Amino acid sequence: MVREIVKKLQNDDINYYEFAGVSTDDKPKKGVCTGSLFLEVNTGDVYAYNEASSGTWTKIASLGGS
C-alpha cells in the first residue's frame, strides 16, 4: 500500500509529493508533478517523478533495504 508522506501546496495547486511503499506497489502518476519522490521501503531505492518524460519514475538513489 502506497502511503502519502508529504504533500506541499502552492496557490491551491498540489505541486509536490513524497510517497513510500514497497517495490511491488504501482507508483502513482495522477496529479503528481516533476520532482516528487517515492521511497521503496523494502529496497531502500528512491525514485523521482518526471512528468515531462511521459510520466516516468527514475531511480535516483539507493539507501539500502532490509
PDB file of N, CA and C in Angstrom:
ATOM      1  N   MET A   1       0.842  -1.172   0.000  1.00  0.00           N
ATOM      2  CA  MET A   1       0.000   0.000   0.000  1.00  0.00           C
ATOM      3  C   MET A   1       0.891   1.241   0.000  1.00  0.00           C
ATOM      4  N   VAL A   2       0.672   2.120  -0.937  1.00  0.00           N
ATOM      5  CA  VAL A   2       1.421   3.366  -1.036  1.00  0.00           C
ATOM      6  C   VAL A   2       0.892   4.345   0.010  1.00  0.00           C
ATOM      7  N   ARG A   3       1.810   4.975   0.703  1.00  0.00           N
ATOM      8  CA  ARG A   3       1.445   5.980   1.703  1.00  0.00           C
ATOM      9  C   ARG A   3       1.964   7.346   1.258  1.00  0.00           C
ATOM     10  N   GLU A   4       1.095   8.333   1.371  1.00  0.00           N
ATOM     11  CA  GLU A   4       1.482   9.708   1.084  1.00  0.00           C
ATOM     12  C   GLU A   4       2.132  10.268   2.348  1.00  0.00           C
ATOM     13  N   ILE A   5       3.381  10.682   2.248  1.00  0.00           N
ATOM     14  CA  ILE A   5       4.120  11.174   3.397  1.00  0.00           C
ATOM     15  C   ILE A   5       4.075  12.699   3.476  1.00  0.00           C
ATOM     16  N   VAL A   6       4.321  13.358   2.355  1.00  0.00           N
ATOM     17  CA  VAL A   6       4.352  14.824   2.298  1.00  0.00           C
ATOM     18  C   VAL A   6       3.550  15.288   1.095  1.00  0.00           C
ATOM     19  N   LYS A   7       2.793  16.348   1.277  1.00  0.00           N
ATOM     20  CA  LYS A   7       2.099  16.985   0.158  1.00  0.00           C
ATOM     21  C   LYS A   7       2.256  18.484   0.353  1.00  0.00           C
ATOM     22  N   LYS A   8       2.901  19.162  -0.580  1.00  0.00           N
ATOM     23  CA  LYS A   8       3.082  20.605  -0.484  1.00  0.00           C
ATOM     24  C   LYS A   8       2.196  21.292  -1.505  1.00  0.00           C
ATOM     25  N   LEU A   9       1.567  22.353  -1.093  1.00  0.00           N
ATOM     26  CA  LEU A   9       0.660  23.095  -1.947  1.00  0.00           C
ATOM     27  C   LEU A   9       1.230  24.472  -2.252  1.00  0.00           C
ATOM     28  N   GLN A  10       0.934  24.933  -3.453  1.00  0.00           N
ATOM     29  CA  GLN A  10       1.300  26.289  -3.833  1.00  0.00           C
ATOM     30  C   GLN A  10       0.144  26.871  -4.619  1.00  0.00           C
ATOM     31  N   ASN A  11      -0.402  27.965  -4.148  1.00  0.00           N
ATOM     32  CA  ASN A  11      -1.543  28.612  -4.804  1.00  0.00           C
ATOM     33  C   ASN A  11      -2.693  27.635  -5.010  1.00  0.00           C
ATOM     34  N   ASP A  12      -2.981  26.827  -3.993  1.00  0.00           N
ATOM     35  CA  ASP A  12      -4.066  25.842  -4.006  1.00  0.00           C
ATOM     36  C   ASP A  12      -3.862  24.716  -5.006  1.00  0.00           C
ATOM     37  N   ASP A  13      -2.692  24.633  -5.636  1.00  0.00           N
ATOM     38  CA  ASP A  13      -2.384  23.531  -6.540  1.00  0.00           C
ATOM     39  C   ASP A  13      -1.361  22.622  -5.870  1.00  0.00           C
ATOM     40  N   ILE A  14      -1.575  21.322  -5.966  1.00  0.00           N
ATOM     41  CA  ILE A  14      -0.593  20.380  -5.436  1.00  0.00           C
ATOM     42  C   ILE A  14       0.587  20.374  -6.394  1.00  0.00           C
ATOM     43  N   ASN A  15       1.782  20.603  -5.862  1.00  0.00           N
ATOM     44  CA  ASN A  15       2.908  20.597  -6.776  1.00  0.00           C
ATOM     45  C   ASN A  15       4.057  19.714  -6.321  1.00  0.00           C
ATOM     46  N   TYR A  16       3.885  18.982  -5.204  1.00  0.00           N
ATOM     47  CA  TYR A  16       4.968  18.119  -4.767  1.00  0.00           C
ATOM     48  C   TYR A  16       4.425  17.051  -3.813  1.00  0.00           C
ATOM     49  N   TYR A  17       4.885  15.817  -3.994  1.00  0.00           N
ATOM     50  CA  TYR A  17       4.523  14.719  -3.104  1.00  0.00           C
ATOM     51  C   TYR A  17       5.765  13.941  -2.714  1.00  0.00           C
ATOM     52  N   GLU A  18       5.710  13.288  -1.567  1.00  0.00           N
ATOM     53  CA  GLU A  18       6.654  12.243  -1.193  1.00  0.00           C
ATOM     54  C   GLU A  18       5.822  11.039  -0.798  1.00  0.00           C
ATOM     55  N   PHE A  19       6.153   9.889  -1.396  1.00  0.00           N
ATOM     56  CA  PHE A  19       5.423   8.658  -1.153  1.00  0.00           C
ATOM     57  C   PHE A  19       6.364   7.604  -0.592  1.00  0.00           C
ATOM     58  N   ALA A  20       5.786   6.615   0.056  1.00  0.00           N
ATOM     59  CA  ALA A  20       6.536   5.441   0.488  1.00  0.00           C
ATOM     60  C   ALA A  20       5.677   4.216   0.218  1.00  0.00           C
ATOM     61  N   GLY A  21       6.316   3.143  -0.190  1.00  0.00           N
ATOM     62  CA  GLY A  21       5.630   1.890  -0.459  1.00  0.00           C
ATOM     63  C   GLY A  21       6.658   0.811  -0.722  1.00  0.00           C
ATOM     64  N   VAL A  22       6.198  -0.372  -1.079  1.00  0.00           N
ATOM     65  CA  VAL A  22       7.119  -1.456  -1.410  1.00  0.00           C
ATOM     66  C   VAL A  22       7.316  -1.502  -2.923  1.00  0.00           C
ATOM     67  N   SER A  23       8.335  -2.229  -3.338  1.00  0.00           N
ATOM     68  CA  SER A  23       8.718  -2.245  -4.753  1.00  0.00           C
ATOM     69  C   SER A  23       7.636  -2.802  -5.668  1.00  0.00           C
ATOM     70  N   THR A  24       6.722  -3.591  -5.148  1.00  0.00           N
ATOM     71  CA  THR A  24       5.659  -4.167  -5.984  1.00  0.00           C
ATOM     72  C   THR A  24       4.447  -3.243  -6.113  1.00  0.00           C
ATOM     73  N   ASP A  25       4.425  -2.147  -5.358  1.00  0.00           N
ATOM     74  CA  ASP A  25       3.326  -1.187  -5.467  1.00  0.00           C
ATOM     75  C   ASP A  25       3.416  -0.428  -6.784  1.00  0.00           C
ATOM     76  N   ASP A  26       2.270  -0.079  -7.346  1.00  0.00           N
ATOM     77  CA  ASP A  26       2.235   0.804  -8.505  1.00  0.00           C
ATOM     78  C   ASP A  26       2.519   2.218  -8.021  1.00  0.00           C
ATOM     79  N   LYS A  27       3.512   2.846  -8.615  1.00  0.00           N
ATOM     80  CA  LYS A  27       3.832   4.217  -8.244  1.00  0.00           C
ATOM     81  C   LYS A  27       2.778   5.147  -8.847  1.00  0.00           C
ATOM     82  N   PRO A  28       2.263   6.070  -8.032  1.00  0.00           N
ATOM     83  CA  PRO A  28       1.208   6.961  -8.529  1.00  0.00           C
ATOM     84  C   PRO A  28       1.709   7.902  -9.611  1.00  0.00           C
ATOM     85  N   LYS A  29       0.784   8.304 -10.487  1.00  0.00           N
ATOM     86  CA  LYS A  29       1.122   9.246 -11.553  1.00  0.00           C
ATOM     87  C   LYS A  29       0.106  10.377 -11.643  1.00  0.00           C
ATOM     88  N   LYS A  30      -1.131  10.107 -11.294  1.00  0.00           N
ATOM     89  CA  LYS A  30      -2.180  11.110 -11.445  1.00  0.00           C
ATOM     90  C   LYS A  30      -1.991  12.237 -10.427  1.00  0.00           C
ATOM     91  N   GLY A  31      -1.885  13.456 -10.912  1.00  0.00           N
ATOM     92  CA  GLY A  31      -1.749  14.621 -10.061  1.00  0.00           C
ATOM     93  C   GLY A  31      -0.373  14.798  -9.451  1.00  0.00           C
ATOM     94  N   VAL A  32       0.585  13.985  -9.889  1.00  0.00           N
ATOM     95  CA  VAL A  32       1.947  14.059  -9.357  1.00  0.00           C
ATOM     96  C   VAL A  32       2.782  14.929 -10.290  1.00  0.00           C
ATOM     97  N   CYS A  33       3.614  15.783  -9.708  1.00  0.00           N
ATOM     98  CA  CYS A  33       4.419  16.658 -10.558  1.00  0.00           C
ATOM     99  C   CYS A  33       5.898  16.298 -10.483  1.00  0.00           C
ATOM    100  N   THR A  34       6.644  16.837 -11.427  1.00  0.00           N
ATOM    101  CA  THR A  34       8.080  16.614 -11.509  1.00  0.00           C
ATOM    102  C   THR A  34       8.753  16.959 -10.178  1.00  0.00           C
ATOM    103  N   GLY A  35       9.663  16.085  -9.761  1.00  0.00           N
ATOM    104  CA  GLY A  35      10.399  16.291  -8.523  1.00  0.00           C
ATOM    105  C   GLY A  35       9.831  15.555  -7.332  1.00  0.00           C
ATOM    106  N   SER A  36       8.626  15.021  -7.464  1.00  0.00           N
ATOM    107  CA  SER A  36       8.050  14.235  -6.378  1.00  0.00           C
ATOM    108  C   SER A  36       8.890  12.978  -6.177  1.00  0.00           C
ATOM    109  N   LEU A  37       8.892  12.451  -4.950  1.00  0.00           N
ATOM    110  CA  LEU A  37       9.752  11.322  -4.611  1.00  0.00           C
ATOM    111  C   LEU A  37       8.948  10.115  -4.143  1.00  0.00           C
ATOM    112  N   PHE A  38       9.517   8.931  -4.391  1.00  0.00           N
ATOM    113  CA  PHE A  38       8.930   7.669  -3.933  1.00  0.00           C
ATOM    114  C   PHE A  38      10.045   6.833  -3.320  1.00  0.00           C
ATOM    115  N   LEU A  39       9.873   6.433  -2.055  1.00  0.00           N
ATOM    116  CA  LEU A  39      10.828   5.572  -1.365  1.00  0.00           C
ATOM    117  C   LEU A  39      10.275   4.162  -1.323  1.00  0.00           C
ATOM    118  N   GLU A  40      11.037   3.206  -1.865  1.00  0.00           N
ATOM    119  CA  GLU A  40      10.681   1.792  -1.736  1.00  0.00           C
ATOM    120  C   GLU A  40      11.256   1.313  -0.404  1.00  0.00           C
ATOM    121  N   VAL A  41      10.392   1.082   0.566  1.00  0.00           N
ATOM    122  CA  VAL A  41      10.860   0.779   1.916  1.00  0.00           C
ATOM    123  C   VAL A  41      11.540  -0.578   2.022  1.00  0.00           C
ATOM    124  N   ASN A  42      11.235  -1.503   1.125  1.00  0.00           N
ATOM    125  CA  ASN A  42      11.865  -2.830   1.208  1.00  0.00           C
ATOM    126  C   ASN A  42      13.212  -2.899   0.491  1.00  0.00           C
ATOM    127  N   THR A  43      13.479  -1.984  -0.432  1.00  0.00           N
ATOM    128  CA  THR A  43      14.756  -1.995  -1.153  1.00  0.00           C
ATOM    129  C   THR A  43      15.644  -0.809  -0.779  1.00  0.00           C
ATOM    130  N   GLY A  44      15.040   0.253  -0.269  1.00  0.00           N
ATOM    131  CA  GLY A  44      15.781   1.473   0.032  1.00  0.00           C
ATOM    132  C   GLY A  44      16.031   2.338  -1.183  1.00  0.00           C
ATOM    133  N   ASP A  45      15.428   1.993  -2.316  1.00  0.00           N
ATOM    134  CA  ASP A  45      15.599   2.784  -3.538  1.00  0.00           C
ATOM    135  C   ASP A  45      14.681   4.004  -3.510  1.00  0.00           C
ATOM    136  N   VAL A  46      15.217   5.121  -3.999  1.00  0.00           N
ATOM    137  CA  VAL A  46      14.464   6.371  -4.065  1.00  0.00           C
ATOM    138  C   VAL A  46      14.284   6.740  -5.534  1.00  0.00           C
ATOM    139  N   TYR A  47      13.059   7.069  -5.912  1.00  0.00           N
ATOM    140  CA  TYR A  47      12.717   7.424  -7.288  1.00  0.00           C
ATOM    141  C   TYR A  47      12.187   8.852  -7.337  1.00  0.00           C
ATOM    142  N   ALA A  48      12.487   9.551  -8.425  1.00  0.00           N
ATOM    143  CA  ALA A  48      11.961  10.896  -8.679  1.00  0.00           C
ATOM    144  C   ALA A  48      11.047  10.829  -9.898  1.00  0.00           C
ATOM    145  N   TYR A  49       9.983  11.606  -9.861  1.00  0.00           N
ATOM    146  CA  TYR A  49       8.997  11.623 -10.945  1.00  0.00           C
ATOM    147  C   TYR A  49       9.320  12.734 -11.931  1.00  0.00           C
ATOM    148  N   ASN A  50       9.145  12.439 -13.231  1.00  0.00           N
ATOM    149  CA  ASN A  50       9.364  13.421 -14.290  1.00  0.00           C
ATOM    150  C   ASN A  50       8.160  13.396 -15.209  1.00  0.00           C
ATOM    151  N   GLU A  51       7.268  14.367 -15.033  1.00  0.00           N
ATOM    152  CA  GLU A  51       6.056  14.389 -15.859  1.00  0.00           C
ATOM    153  C   GLU A  51       6.353  14.759 -17.309  1.00  0.00           C
ATOM    154  N   ALA A  52       7.461  15.441 -17.565  1.00  0.00           N
ATOM    155  CA  ALA A  52       7.829  15.813 -18.929  1.00  0.00           C
ATOM    156  C   ALA A  52       8.358  14.618 -19.714  1.00  0.00           C
ATOM    157  N   SER A  53       8.775  13.587 -19.026  1.00  0.00           N
ATOM    158  CA  SER A  53       9.316  12.392 -19.669  1.00  0.00           C
ATOM    159  C   SER A  53       8.264  11.279 -19.682  1.00  0.00           C
ATOM    160  N   SER A  54       7.109  11.583 -20.206  1.00  0.00           N
ATOM    161  CA  SER A  54       5.991  10.631 -20.309  1.00  0.00           C
ATOM    162  C   SER A  54       5.577  10.069 -18.958  1.00  0.00           C
ATOM    163  N   GLY A  55       5.764  10.836 -17.909  1.00  0.00           N
ATOM    164  CA  GLY A  55       5.327  10.409 -16.589  1.00  0.00           C
ATOM    165  C   GLY A  55       6.099   9.223 -16.058  1.00  0.00           C
ATOM    166  N   THR A  56       7.411   9.327 -16.000  1.00  0.00           N
ATOM    167  CA  THR A  56       8.226   8.198 -15.554  1.00  0.00           C
ATOM    168  C   THR A  56       8.839   8.454 -14.177  1.00  0.00           C
ATOM    169  N   TRP A  57       9.014   7.370 -13.441  1.00  0.00           N
ATOM    170  CA  TRP A  57       9.732   7.374 -12.172  1.00  0.00           C
ATOM    171  C   TRP A  57      11.130   6.840 -12.452  1.00  0.00           C
ATOM    172  N   THR A  58      12.163   7.586 -12.053  1.00  0.00           N
ATOM    173  CA  THR A  58      13.545   7.214 -12.297  1.00  0.00           C
ATOM    174  C   THR A  58      14.273   7.058 -10.973  1.00  0.00           C
ATOM    175  N   LYS A  59      15.004   5.952 -10.845  1.00  0.00           N
ATOM    176  CA  LYS A  59      15.765   5.707  -9.616  1.00  0.00           C
ATOM    177  C   LYS A  59      16.891   6.736  -9.521  1.00  0.00           C
ATOM    178  N   ILE A  60      16.950   7.425  -8.356  1.00  0.00           N
ATOM    179  CA  ILE A  60      17.972   8.461  -8.179  1.00  0.00           C
ATOM    180  C   ILE A  60      18.951   8.137  -7.042  1.00  0.00           C
ATOM    181  N   ALA A  61      18.585   7.181  -6.178  1.00  0.00           N
ATOM    182  CA  ALA A  61      19.460   6.843  -5.051  1.00  0.00           C
ATOM    183  C   ALA A  61      19.082   5.481  -4.501  1.00  0.00           C
ATOM    184  N   SER A  62      20.024   4.877  -3.813  1.00  0.00           N
ATOM    185  CA  SER A  62      19.774   3.621  -3.117  1.00  0.00           C
ATOM    186  C   SER A  62      20.288   3.764  -1.694  1.00  0.00           C
ATOM    187  N   LEU A  63      19.361   3.722  -0.739  1.00  0.00           N
ATOM    188  CA  LEU A  63      19.693   3.890   0.660  1.00  0.00           C
ATOM    189  C   LEU A  63      19.957   2.547   1.333  1.00  0.00           C
ATOM    190  N   GLY A  64      19.734   1.459   0.603  1.00  0.00           N
ATOM    191  CA  GLY A  64      19.861   0.116   1.184  1.00  0.00           C
ATOM    192  C   GLY A  64      18.541  -0.297   1.791  1.00  0.00           C
ATOM    193  N   GLY A  65      18.274  -1.566   1.799  1.00  0.00           N
ATOM    194  CA  GLY A  65      16.995  -2.051   2.315  1.00  0.00           C
ATOM    195  C   GLY A  65      17.182  -3.243   3.208  1.00  0.00           C
ATOM    196  N   SER A  66      16.054  -3.777   3.641  1.00  0.00           N
ATOM    197  CA  SER A  66      16.122  -4.928   4.537  1.00  0.00           C
ATOM    198  C   SER A  66      16.020  -6.237   3.806  1.00  0.00           C
TER     199      SER A  66
END
